[in-house]
Amino acid sequence: MKREKEIAVEFLRMVASGDVENAFSLYVSPNFKHHNPYFKKDISSLKTAMLEDAKQNPEKELSILRAMADEEGVSVHSLVKQNPNDSGYILAHFFKFQRDKISELWDLA
């Protein structure tokens, strides 16, 4: 569980810093499913959206407020600012894993 928590946090940090391709390459399972009503469930749709967001918000800041892991998966509570002047918004991510790879992701803002 500790390793999965580290992977979830590192994945979010990499994505927020714009290192989207490497984050997906290192940590996401080929059978990945994304659970969000605004996106298709596949890897490609989420990765494309994250790449576009990284281009639009190169000064994005992510602060991990808490990360918790149990036998069901990992939950991460964070604060995201699109730029230094942004007041930010709270996010919650819920991860499921298979063999140290993210197999499912739910996100709420």
PDB file of N, CA and C in Angstrom:
ATOM      1  N   MET A   1       0.820  -1.206   0.000  1.00  0.00           N
ATOM      2  CA  MET A   1       0.000   0.000   0.000  1.00  0.00           C
ATOM      3  C   MET A   1       0.858   1.263   0.000  1.00  0.00           C
ATOM      4  N   LYS A   2       1.993   1.221   0.713  1.00  0.00           N
ATOM      5  CA  LYS A   2       2.863   2.388   0.749  1.00  0.00           C
ATOM      6  C   LYS A   2       3.364   2.721  -0.650  1.00  0.00           C
ATOM      7  N   ARG A   3       3.777   1.709  -1.402  1.00  0.00           N
ATOM      8  CA  ARG A   3       4.270   1.924  -2.764  1.00  0.00           C
ATOM      9  C   ARG A   3       3.165   2.523  -3.641  1.00  0.00           C
ATOM     10  N   GLU A   4       1.963   2.026  -3.514  1.00  0.00           N
ATOM     11  CA  GLU A   4       0.847   2.549  -4.306  1.00  0.00           C
ATOM     12  C   GLU A   4       0.565   4.009  -3.965  1.00  0.00           C
ATOM     13  N   LYS A   5       0.654   4.357  -2.699  1.00  0.00           N
ATOM     14  CA  LYS A   5       0.451   5.748  -2.295  1.00  0.00           C
ATOM     15  C   LYS A   5       1.530   6.639  -2.909  1.00  0.00           C
ATOM     16  N   GLU A   6       2.767   6.180  -2.886  1.00  0.00           N
ATOM     17  CA  GLU A   6       3.863   6.941  -3.491  1.00  0.00           C
ATOM     18  C   GLU A   6       3.645   7.118  -4.992  1.00  0.00           C
ATOM     19  N   ILE A   7       3.189   6.071  -5.658  1.00  0.00           N
ATOM     20  CA  ILE A   7       2.931   6.139  -7.101  1.00  0.00           C
ATOM     21  C   ILE A   7       1.822   7.151  -7.395  1.00  0.00           C
ATOM     22  N   ALA A   8       0.739   7.103  -6.653  1.00  0.00           N
ATOM     23  CA  ALA A   8      -0.380   8.027  -6.875  1.00  0.00           C
ATOM     24  C   ALA A   8       0.066   9.479  -6.719  1.00  0.00           C
ATOM     25  N   VAL A   9       0.799   9.758  -5.665  1.00  0.00           N
ATOM     26  CA  VAL A   9       1.273  11.122  -5.416  1.00  0.00           C
ATOM     27  C   VAL A   9       2.252  11.554  -6.505  1.00  0.00           C
ATOM     28  N   GLU A  10       3.185  10.694  -6.862  1.00  0.00           N
ATOM     29  CA  GLU A  10       4.160  11.040  -7.900  1.00  0.00           C
ATOM     30  C   GLU A  10       3.479  11.238  -9.253  1.00  0.00           C
ATOM     31  N   PHE A  11       2.501  10.407  -9.577  1.00  0.00           N
ATOM     32  CA  PHE A  11       1.742  10.573 -10.818  1.00  0.00           C
ATOM     33  C   PHE A  11       1.109  11.964 -10.866  1.00  0.00           C
ATOM     34  N   LEU A  12       0.433  12.365  -9.808  1.00  0.00           N
ATOM     35  CA  LEU A  12      -0.212  13.679  -9.779  1.00  0.00           C
ATOM     36  C   LEU A  12       0.808  14.810  -9.868  1.00  0.00           C
ATOM     37  N   ARG A  13       1.925  14.679  -9.175  1.00  0.00           N
ATOM     38  CA  ARG A  13       2.968  15.713  -9.234  1.00  0.00           C
ATOM     39  C   ARG A  13       3.538  15.838 -10.642  1.00  0.00           C
ATOM     40  N   MET A  14       3.794  14.705 -11.282  1.00  0.00           N
ATOM     41  CA  MET A  14       4.335  14.736 -12.639  1.00  0.00           C
ATOM     42  C   MET A  14       3.348  15.377 -13.609  1.00  0.00           C
ATOM     43  N   VAL A  15       2.092  14.981 -13.526  1.00  0.00           N
ATOM     44  CA  VAL A  15       1.069  15.534 -14.417  1.00  0.00           C
ATOM     45  C   VAL A  15       0.934  17.044 -14.192  1.00  0.00           C
ATOM     46  N   ALA A  16       0.888  17.472 -12.942  1.00  0.00           N
ATOM     47  CA  ALA A  16       0.739  18.895 -12.634  1.00  0.00           C
ATOM     48  C   ALA A  16       1.923  19.712 -13.134  1.00  0.00           C
ATOM     49  N   SER A  17       3.105  19.115 -13.153  1.00  0.00           N
ATOM     50  CA  SER A  17       4.298  19.836 -13.611  1.00  0.00           C
ATOM     51  C   SER A  17       4.458  19.789 -15.128  1.00  0.00           C
ATOM     52  N   GLY A  18       3.549  19.105 -15.815  1.00  0.00           N
ATOM     53  CA  GLY A  18       3.596  19.040 -17.271  1.00  0.00           C
ATOM     54  C   GLY A  18       4.266  17.805 -17.836  1.00  0.00           C
ATOM     55  N   ASP A  19       4.738  16.917 -16.978  1.00  0.00           N
ATOM     56  CA  ASP A  19       5.422  15.697 -17.428  1.00  0.00           C
ATOM     57  C   ASP A  19       4.401  14.569 -17.633  1.00  0.00           C
ATOM     58  N   VAL A  20       3.397  14.859 -18.425  1.00  0.00           N
ATOM     59  CA  VAL A  20       2.244  13.975 -18.606  1.00  0.00           C
ATOM     60  C   VAL A  20       2.637  12.659 -19.270  1.00  0.00           C
ATOM     61  N   GLU A  21       3.380  12.729 -20.363  1.00  0.00           N
ATOM     62  CA  GLU A  21       3.762  11.510 -21.100  1.00  0.00           C
ATOM     63  C   GLU A  21       4.510  10.533 -20.205  1.00  0.00           C
ATOM     64  N   ASN A  22       5.502  11.033 -19.466  1.00  0.00           N
ATOM     65  CA  ASN A  22       6.269  10.150 -18.582  1.00  0.00           C
ATOM     66  C   ASN A  22       5.419   9.600 -17.447  1.00  0.00           C
ATOM     67  N   ALA A  23       4.534  10.415 -16.904  1.00  0.00           N
ATOM     68  CA  ALA A  23       3.656   9.952 -15.824  1.00  0.00           C
ATOM     69  C   ALA A  23       2.811   8.774 -16.294  1.00  0.00           C
ATOM     70  N   PHE A  24       2.237   8.893 -17.479  1.00  0.00           N
ATOM     71  CA  PHE A  24       1.415   7.805 -18.012  1.00  0.00           C
ATOM     72  C   PHE A  24       2.272   6.587 -18.343  1.00  0.00           C
ATOM     73  N   SER A  25       3.421   6.816 -18.930  1.00  0.00           N
ATOM     74  CA  SER A  25       4.312   5.717 -19.300  1.00  0.00           C
ATOM     75  C   SER A  25       4.769   4.918 -18.078  1.00  0.00           C
ATOM     76  N   LEU A  26       5.108   5.610 -17.021  1.00  0.00           N
ATOM     77  CA  LEU A  26       5.630   4.952 -15.819  1.00  0.00           C
ATOM     78  C   LEU A  26       4.555   4.292 -14.961  1.00  0.00           C
ATOM     79  N   TYR A  27       3.396   4.924 -14.848  1.00  0.00           N
ATOM     80  CA  TYR A  27       2.476   4.545 -13.785  1.00  0.00           C
ATOM     81  C   TYR A  27       1.088   4.056 -14.192  1.00  0.00           C
ATOM     82  N   VAL A  28       0.726   4.146 -15.459  1.00  0.00           N
ATOM     83  CA  VAL A  28      -0.644   3.809 -15.850  1.00  0.00           C
ATOM     84  C   VAL A  28      -0.700   2.474 -16.584  1.00  0.00           C
ATOM     85  N   SER A  29      -1.616   1.627 -16.163  1.00  0.00           N
ATOM     86  CA  SER A  29      -1.833   0.312 -16.774  1.00  0.00           C
ATOM     87  C   SER A  29      -2.425   0.466 -18.177  1.00  0.00           C
ATOM     88  N   PRO A  30      -2.078  -0.440 -19.088  1.00  0.00           N
ATOM     89  CA  PRO A  30      -2.693  -0.408 -20.421  1.00  0.00           C
ATOM     90  C   PRO A  30      -4.215  -0.597 -20.379  1.00  0.00           C
ATOM     91  N   ASN A  31      -4.713  -1.206 -19.315  1.00  0.00           N
ATOM     92  CA  ASN A  31      -6.155  -1.451 -19.167  1.00  0.00           C
ATOM     93  C   ASN A  31      -6.850  -0.373 -18.336  1.00  0.00           C
ATOM     94  N   PHE A  32      -6.246   0.789 -18.250  1.00  0.00           N
ATOM     95  CA  PHE A  32      -6.720   1.903 -17.440  1.00  0.00           C
ATOM     96  C   PHE A  32      -8.154   2.315 -17.783  1.00  0.00           C
ATOM     97  N   LYS A  33      -8.909   2.678 -16.733  1.00  0.00           N
ATOM     98  CA  LYS A  33     -10.254   3.247 -16.888  1.00  0.00           C
ATOM     99  C   LYS A  33     -10.338   4.520 -16.057  1.00  0.00           C
ATOM    100  N   HIS A  34     -10.869   5.566 -16.666  1.00  0.00           N
ATOM    101  CA  HIS A  34     -11.067   6.843 -15.986  1.00  0.00           C
ATOM    102  C   HIS A  34     -12.561   7.032 -15.755  1.00  0.00           C
ATOM    103  N   HIS A  35     -12.940   7.291 -14.522  1.00  0.00           N
ATOM    104  CA  HIS A  35     -14.345   7.450 -14.158  1.00  0.00           C
ATOM    105  C   HIS A  35     -14.638   8.927 -13.898  1.00  0.00           C
ATOM    106  N   ASN A  36     -15.103   9.612 -14.933  1.00  0.00           N
ATOM    107  CA  ASN A  36     -15.454  11.020 -14.847  1.00  0.00           C
ATOM    108  C   ASN A  36     -16.479  11.275 -15.950  1.00  0.00           C
ATOM    109  N   PRO A  37     -17.620  11.851 -15.628  1.00  0.00           N
ATOM    110  CA  PRO A  37     -18.668  12.012 -16.643  1.00  0.00           C
ATOM    111  C   PRO A  37     -18.289  12.948 -17.790  1.00  0.00           C
ATOM    112  N   TYR A  38     -17.219  13.715 -17.652  1.00  0.00           N
ATOM    113  CA  TYR A  38     -16.824  14.662 -18.686  1.00  0.00           C
ATOM    114  C   TYR A  38     -15.786  14.106 -19.653  1.00  0.00           C
ATOM    115  N   PHE A  39     -15.346  12.868 -19.443  1.00  0.00           N
ATOM    116  CA  PHE A  39     -14.319  12.248 -20.279  1.00  0.00           C
ATOM    117  C   PHE A  39     -14.742  10.842 -20.671  1.00  0.00           C
ATOM    118  N   LYS A  40     -14.204  10.376 -21.795  1.00  0.00           N
ATOM    119  CA  LYS A  40     -14.329   8.960 -22.109  1.00  0.00           C
ATOM    120  C   LYS A  40     -13.507   8.202 -21.077  1.00  0.00           C
ATOM    121  N   LYS A  41     -13.696   6.915 -20.988  1.00  0.00           N
ATOM    122  CA  LYS A  41     -13.032   6.121 -19.954  1.00  0.00           C
ATOM    123  C   LYS A  41     -11.609   5.701 -20.315  1.00  0.00           C
ATOM    124  N   ASP A  42     -11.122   6.055 -21.500  1.00  0.00           N
ATOM    125  CA  ASP A  42      -9.841   5.536 -21.984  1.00  0.00           C
ATOM    126  C   ASP A  42      -8.643   6.416 -21.609  1.00  0.00           C
ATOM    127  N   ILE A  43      -7.457   5.842 -21.775  1.00  0.00           N
ATOM    128  CA  ILE A  43      -6.202   6.538 -21.487  1.00  0.00           C
ATOM    129  C   ILE A  43      -6.051   7.767 -22.378  1.00  0.00           C
ATOM    130  N   SER A  44      -6.282   7.586 -23.651  1.00  0.00           N
ATOM    131  CA  SER A  44      -6.020   8.637 -24.635  1.00  0.00           C
ATOM    132  C   SER A  44      -6.778   9.927 -24.337  1.00  0.00           C
ATOM    133  N   SER A  45      -8.036   9.831 -24.000  1.00  0.00           N
ATOM    134  CA  SER A  45      -8.846  11.028 -23.732  1.00  0.00           C
ATOM    135  C   SER A  45      -8.318  11.805 -22.536  1.00  0.00           C
ATOM    136  N   LEU A  46      -7.997  11.100 -21.464  1.00  0.00           N
ATOM    137  CA  LEU A  46      -7.491  11.773 -20.271  1.00  0.00           C
ATOM    138  C   LEU A  46      -6.108  12.359 -20.529  1.00  0.00           C
ATOM    139  N   LYS A  47      -5.235  11.592 -21.166  1.00  0.00           N
ATOM    140  CA  LYS A  47      -3.881  12.080 -21.441  1.00  0.00           C
ATOM    141  C   LYS A  47      -3.926  13.326 -22.328  1.00  0.00           C
ATOM    142  N   THR A  48      -4.746  13.313 -23.355  1.00  0.00           N
ATOM    143  CA  THR A  48      -4.874  14.473 -24.243  1.00  0.00           C
ATOM    144  C   THR A  48      -5.338  15.703 -23.467  1.00  0.00           C
ATOM    145  N   ALA A  49      -6.321  15.536 -22.604  1.00  0.00           N
ATOM    146  CA  ALA A  49      -6.817  16.654 -21.793  1.00  0.00           C
ATOM    147  C   ALA A  49      -5.736  17.170 -20.846  1.00  0.00           C
ATOM    148  N   MET A  50      -4.964  16.267 -20.259  1.00  0.00           N
ATOM    149  CA  MET A  50      -3.901  16.680 -19.342  1.00  0.00           C
ATOM    150  C   MET A  50      -2.764  17.384 -20.077  1.00  0.00           C
ATOM    151  N   LEU A  51      -2.436  16.922 -21.273  1.00  0.00           N
ATOM    152  CA  LEU A  51      -1.409  17.593 -22.079  1.00  0.00           C
ATOM    153  C   LEU A  51      -1.855  19.007 -22.453  1.00  0.00           C
ATOM    154  N   GLU A  52      -3.101  19.155 -22.852  1.00  0.00           N
ATOM    155  CA  GLU A  52      -3.635  20.471 -23.208  1.00  0.00           C
ATOM    156  C   GLU A  52      -3.654  21.390 -21.992  1.00  0.00           C
ATOM    157  N   ASP A  53      -4.059  20.870 -20.844  1.00  0.00           N
ATOM    158  CA  ASP A  53      -4.078  21.665 -19.619  1.00  0.00           C
ATOM    159  C   ASP A  53      -2.667  22.116 -19.248  1.00  0.00           C
ATOM    160  N   ALA A  54      -1.680  21.245 -19.420  1.00  0.00           N
ATOM    161  CA  ALA A  54      -0.292  21.599 -19.112  1.00  0.00           C
ATOM    162  C   ALA A  54       0.190  22.746 -20.006  1.00  0.00           C
ATOM    163  N   LYS A  55      -0.212  22.736 -21.275  1.00  0.00           N
ATOM    164  CA  LYS A  55       0.154  23.829 -22.194  1.00  0.00           C
ATOM    165  C   LYS A  55      -0.506  25.143 -21.783  1.00  0.00           C
ATOM    166  N   GLN A  56      -1.757  25.065 -21.384  1.00  0.00           N
ATOM    167  CA  GLN A  56      -2.513  26.268 -21.026  1.00  0.00           C
ATOM    168  C   GLN A  56      -2.128  26.827 -19.656  1.00  0.00           C
ATOM    169  N   ASN A  57      -1.595  25.978 -18.779  1.00  0.00           N
ATOM    170  CA  ASN A  57      -1.290  26.379 -17.400  1.00  0.00           C
ATOM    171  C   ASN A  57       0.121  25.948 -17.000  1.00  0.00           C
ATOM    172  N   PRO A  58       1.148  26.524 -17.625  1.00  0.00           N
ATOM    173  CA  PRO A  58       2.522  26.085 -17.346  1.00  0.00           C
ATOM    174  C   PRO A  58       3.015  26.417 -15.937  1.00  0.00           C
ATOM    175  N   GLU A  59       2.319  27.305 -15.232  1.00  0.00           N
ATOM    176  CA  GLU A  59       2.726  27.672 -13.872  1.00  0.00           C
ATOM    177  C   GLU A  59       1.905  26.951 -12.802  1.00  0.00           C
ATOM    178  N   LYS A  60       1.212  25.902 -13.184  1.00  0.00           N
ATOM    179  CA  LYS A  60       0.341  25.179 -12.259  1.00  0.00           C
ATOM    180  C   LYS A  60       1.124  24.711 -11.030  1.00  0.00           C
ATOM    181  N   GLU A  61       0.484  24.809  -9.877  1.00  0.00           N
ATOM    182  CA  GLU A  61       1.063  24.352  -8.613  1.00  0.00           C
ATOM    183  C   GLU A  61       0.128  23.330  -7.979  1.00  0.00           C
ATOM    184  N   LEU A  62       0.697  22.234  -7.515  1.00  0.00           N
ATOM    185  CA  LEU A  62      -0.069  21.192  -6.831  1.00  0.00           C
ATOM    186  C   LEU A  62       0.456  21.042  -5.418  1.00  0.00           C
ATOM    187  N   SER A  63      -0.430  21.110  -4.447  1.00  0.00           N
ATOM    188  CA  SER A  63      -0.073  20.854  -3.050  1.00  0.00           C
ATOM    189  C   SER A  63      -0.861  19.642  -2.581  1.00  0.00           C
ATOM    190  N   ILE A  64      -0.147  18.611  -2.169  1.00  0.00           N
ATOM    191  CA  ILE A  64      -0.798  17.424  -1.617  1.00  0.00           C
ATOM    192  C   ILE A  64      -1.148  17.725  -0.165  1.00  0.00           C
ATOM    193  N   LEU A  65      -2.416  17.676   0.158  1.00  0.00           N
ATOM    194  CA  LEU A  65      -2.867  17.952   1.520  1.00  0.00           C
ATOM    195  C   LEU A  65      -2.881  16.687   2.369  1.00  0.00           C
ATOM    196  N   ARG A  66      -3.280  15.578   1.760  1.00  0.00           N
ATOM    197  CA  ARG A  66      -3.219  14.282   2.449  1.00  0.00           C
ATOM    198  C   ARG A  66      -3.339  13.174   1.420  1.00  0.00           C
ATOM    199  N   ALA A  67      -2.732  12.051   1.738  1.00  0.00           N
ATOM    200  CA  ALA A  67      -2.836  10.851   0.905  1.00  0.00           C
ATOM    201  C   ALA A  67      -3.037   9.669   1.841  1.00  0.00           C
ATOM    202  N   MET A  68      -3.995   8.821   1.499  1.00  0.00           N
ATOM    203  CA  MET A  68      -4.340   7.676   2.343  1.00  0.00           C
ATOM    204  C   MET A  68      -4.422   6.425   1.484  1.00  0.00           C
ATOM    205  N   ALA A  69      -3.967   5.320   2.040  1.00  0.00           N
ATOM    206  CA  ALA A  69      -4.019   4.058   1.305  1.00  0.00           C
ATOM    207  C   ALA A  69      -4.594   2.969   2.201  1.00  0.00           C
ATOM    208  N   ASP A  70      -5.356   2.082   1.582  1.00  0.00           N
ATOM    209  CA  ASP A  70      -5.823   0.876   2.257  1.00  0.00           C
ATOM    210  C   ASP A  70      -5.909  -0.228   1.212  1.00  0.00           C
ATOM    211  N   GLU A  71      -6.491  -1.351   1.572  1.00  0.00           N
ATOM    212  CA  GLU A  71      -6.551  -2.491   0.648  1.00  0.00           C
ATOM    213  C   GLU A  71      -7.407  -2.210  -0.583  1.00  0.00           C
ATOM    214  N   GLU A  72      -8.256  -1.192  -0.535  1.00  0.00           N
ATOM    215  CA  GLU A  72      -9.116  -0.832  -1.666  1.00  0.00           C
ATOM    216  C   GLU A  72      -8.408   0.049  -2.685  1.00  0.00           C
ATOM    217  N   GLY A  73      -7.407   0.824  -2.246  1.00  0.00           N
ATOM    218  CA  GLY A  73      -6.716   1.729  -3.156  1.00  0.00           C
ATOM    219  C   GLY A  73      -6.140   2.926  -2.432  1.00  0.00           C
ATOM    220  N   VAL A  74      -5.974   4.018  -3.166  1.00  0.00           N
ATOM    221  CA  VAL A  74      -5.347   5.228  -2.637  1.00  0.00           C
ATOM    222  C   VAL A  74      -6.265   6.421  -2.887  1.00  0.00           C
ATOM    223  N   SER A  75      -6.369   7.289  -1.884  1.00  0.00           N
ATOM    224  CA  SER A  75      -7.118   8.540  -2.002  1.00  0.00           C
ATOM    225  C   SER A  75      -6.144   9.691  -1.789  1.00  0.00           C
ATOM    226  N   VAL A  76      -6.222  10.702  -2.652  1.00  0.00           N
ATOM    227  CA  VAL A  76      -5.351  11.869  -2.526  1.00  0.00           C
ATOM    228  C   VAL A  76      -6.215  13.126  -2.543  1.00  0.00           C
ATOM    229  N   HIS A  77      -6.010  13.959  -1.532  1.00  0.00           N
ATOM    230  CA  HIS A  77      -6.710  15.231  -1.369  1.00  0.00           C
ATOM    231  C   HIS A  77      -5.670  16.314  -1.656  1.00  0.00           C
ATOM    232  N   SER A  78      -5.940  17.197  -2.607  1.00  0.00           N
ATOM    233  CA  SER A  78      -4.929  18.181  -2.995  1.00  0.00           C
ATOM    234  C   SER A  78      -5.547  19.545  -3.286  1.00  0.00           C
ATOM    235  N   LEU A  79      -4.674  20.535  -3.353  1.00  0.00           N
ATOM    236  CA  LEU A  79      -5.024  21.896  -3.745  1.00  0.00           C
ATOM    237  C   LEU A  79      -4.264  22.201  -5.028  1.00  0.00           C
ATOM    238  N   VAL A  80      -4.970  22.670  -6.054  1.00  0.00           N
ATOM    239  CA  VAL A  80      -4.346  23.014  -7.329  1.00  0.00           C
ATOM    240  C   VAL A  80      -4.558  24.497  -7.598  1.00  0.00           C
ATOM    241  N   LYS A  81      -3.469  25.158  -7.975  1.00  0.00           N
ATOM    242  CA  LYS A  81      -3.526  26.548  -8.433  1.00  0.00           C
ATOM    243  C   LYS A  81      -3.043  26.566  -9.873  1.00  0.00           C
ATOM    244  N   GLN A  82      -3.816  27.169 -10.756  1.00  0.00           N
ATOM    245  CA  GLN A  82      -3.436  27.222 -12.169  1.00  0.00           C
ATOM    246  C   GLN A  82      -2.265  28.170 -12.412  1.00  0.00           C
ATOM    247  N   ASN A  83      -2.081  29.133 -11.509  1.00  0.00           N
ATOM    248  CA  ASN A  83      -0.956  30.068 -11.571  1.00  0.00           C
ATOM    249  C   ASN A  83      -0.761  30.628 -10.166  1.00  0.00           C
ATOM    250  N   PRO A  84       0.344  31.325  -9.919  1.00  0.00           N
ATOM    251  CA  PRO A  84       0.606  31.813  -8.557  1.00  0.00           C
ATOM    252  C   PRO A  84      -0.459  32.752  -7.990  1.00  0.00           C
ATOM    253  N   ASN A  85      -1.214  33.440  -8.838  1.00  0.00           N
ATOM    254  CA  ASN A  85      -2.244  34.372  -8.364  1.00  0.00           C
ATOM    255  C   ASN A  85      -3.610  33.726  -8.158  1.00  0.00           C
ATOM    256  N   ASP A  86      -3.746  32.496  -8.558  1.00  0.00           N
ATOM    257  CA  ASP A  86      -5.007  31.762  -8.449  1.00  0.00           C
ATOM    258  C   ASP A  86      -5.252  31.361  -6.995  1.00  0.00           C
ATOM    259  N   SER A  87      -6.487  31.497  -6.522  1.00  0.00           N
ATOM    260  CA  SER A  87      -6.802  31.054  -5.157  1.00  0.00           C
ATOM    261  C   SER A  87      -6.847  29.535  -5.066  1.00  0.00           C
ATOM    262  N   GLY A  88      -7.026  28.871  -6.193  1.00  0.00           N
ATOM    263  CA  GLY A  88      -6.965  27.415  -6.235  1.00  0.00           C
ATOM    264  C   GLY A  88      -8.296  26.743  -6.004  1.00  0.00           C
ATOM    265  N   TYR A  89      -8.272  25.439  -6.156  1.00  0.00           N
ATOM    266  CA  TYR A  89      -9.451  24.621  -5.900  1.00  0.00           C
ATOM    267  C   TYR A  89      -9.004  23.269  -5.366  1.00  0.00           C
ATOM    268  N   ILE A  90      -9.899  22.632  -4.667  1.00  0.00           N
ATOM    269  CA  ILE A  90      -9.622  21.350  -4.023  1.00  0.00           C
ATOM    270  C   ILE A  90      -9.976  20.215  -4.974  1.00  0.00           C
ATOM    271  N   LEU A  91      -9.126  19.205  -5.000  1.00  0.00           N
ATOM    272  CA  LEU A  91      -9.363  17.997  -5.790  1.00  0.00           C
ATOM    273  C   LEU A  91      -9.287  16.770  -4.896  1.00  0.00           C
ATOM    274  N   ALA A  92     -10.024  15.762  -5.271  1.00  0.00           N
ATOM    275  CA  ALA A  92      -9.905  14.440  -4.648  1.00  0.00           C
ATOM    276  C   ALA A  92      -9.731  13.431  -5.775  1.00  0.00           C
ATOM    277  N   HIS A  93      -8.705  12.608  -5.659  1.00  0.00           N
ATOM    278  CA  HIS A  93      -8.448  11.538  -6.629  1.00  0.00           C
ATOM    279  C   HIS A  93      -8.501  10.204  -5.888  1.00  0.00           C
ATOM    280  N   PHE A  94      -9.114   9.226  -6.517  1.00  0.00           N
ATOM    281  CA  PHE A  94      -9.212   7.880  -5.959  1.00  0.00           C
ATOM    282  C   PHE A  94      -8.620   6.918  -6.979  1.00  0.00           C
ATOM    283  N   PHE A  95      -7.628   6.157  -6.559  1.00  0.00           N
ATOM    284  CA  PHE A  95      -6.883   5.269  -7.445  1.00  0.00           C
ATOM    285  C   PHE A  95      -7.086   3.809  -7.069  1.00  0.00           C
ATOM    286  N   LYS A  96      -7.215   2.957  -8.072  1.00  0.00           N
ATOM    287  CA  LYS A  96      -7.120   1.502  -7.898  1.00  0.00           C
ATOM    288  C   LYS A  96      -5.890   1.055  -8.672  1.00  0.00           C
ATOM    289  N   PHE A  97      -5.257   0.003  -8.193  1.00  0.00           N
ATOM    290  CA  PHE A  97      -4.008  -0.470  -8.778  1.00  0.00           C
ATOM    291  C   PHE A  97      -4.075  -1.938  -9.149  1.00  0.00           C
ATOM    292  N   GLN A  98      -3.282  -2.294 -10.146  1.00  0.00           N
ATOM    293  CA  GLN A  98      -2.989  -3.683 -10.489  1.00  0.00           C
ATOM    294  C   GLN A  98      -1.497  -3.755 -10.772  1.00  0.00           C
ATOM    295  N   ARG A  99      -0.794  -4.559 -10.010  1.00  0.00           N
ATOM    296  CA  ARG A  99       0.648  -4.760 -10.201  1.00  0.00           C
ATOM    297  C   ARG A  99       1.426  -3.444 -10.265  1.00  0.00           C
ATOM    298  N   ASP A 100       1.233  -2.592  -9.295  1.00  0.00           N
ATOM    299  CA  ASP A 100       1.922  -1.302  -9.192  1.00  0.00           C
ATOM    300  C   ASP A 100       1.654  -0.349 -10.349  1.00  0.00           C
ATOM    301  N   LYS A 101       0.545  -0.523 -11.043  1.00  0.00           N
ATOM    302  CA  LYS A 101       0.128   0.393 -12.106  1.00  0.00           C
ATOM    303  C   LYS A 101      -1.284   0.883 -11.794  1.00  0.00           C
ATOM    304  N   ILE A 102      -1.558   2.125 -12.130  1.00  0.00           N
ATOM    305  CA  ILE A 102      -2.891   2.690 -11.920  1.00  0.00           C
ATOM    306  C   ILE A 102      -3.843   2.050 -12.921  1.00  0.00           C
ATOM    307  N   SER A 103      -4.846   1.360 -12.410  1.00  0.00           N
ATOM    308  CA  SER A 103      -5.803   0.688 -13.292  1.00  0.00           C
ATOM    309  C   SER A 103      -7.123   1.455 -13.410  1.00  0.00           C
ATOM    310  N   GLU A 104      -7.466   2.217 -12.367  1.00  0.00           N
ATOM    311  CA  GLU A 104      -8.685   3.020 -12.404  1.00  0.00           C
ATOM    312  C   GLU A 104      -8.451   4.315 -11.640  1.00  0.00           C
ATOM    313  N   LEU A 105      -9.111   5.377 -12.107  1.00  0.00           N
ATOM    314  CA  LEU A 105      -8.989   6.688 -11.476  1.00  0.00           C
ATOM    315  C   LEU A 105     -10.341   7.386 -11.476  1.00  0.00           C
ATOM    316  N   TRP A 106     -10.718   7.884 -10.304  1.00  0.00           N
ATOM    317  CA  TRP A 106     -11.892   8.743 -10.138  1.00  0.00           C
ATOM    318  C   TRP A 106     -11.361  10.097  -9.680  1.00  0.00           C
ATOM    319  N   ASP A 107     -11.935  11.183 -10.169  1.00  0.00           N
ATOM    320  CA  ASP A 107     -11.499  12.501  -9.717  1.00  0.00           C
ATOM    321  C   ASP A 107     -12.686  13.436  -9.548  1.00  0.00           C
ATOM    322  N   LEU A 108     -12.605  14.257  -8.509  1.00  0.00           N
ATOM    323  CA  LEU A 108     -13.656  15.218  -8.170  1.00  0.00           C
ATOM    324  C   LEU A 108     -13.016  16.564  -7.874  1.00  0.00           C
ATOM    325  N   ALA A 109     -13.636  17.635  -8.353  1.00  0.00           N
ATOM    326  CA  ALA A 109     -13.117  18.979  -8.064  1.00  0.00           C
ATOM    327  C   ALA A 109     -14.195  19.802  -7.388  1.00  0.00           C
TER     328      ALA A 109
END
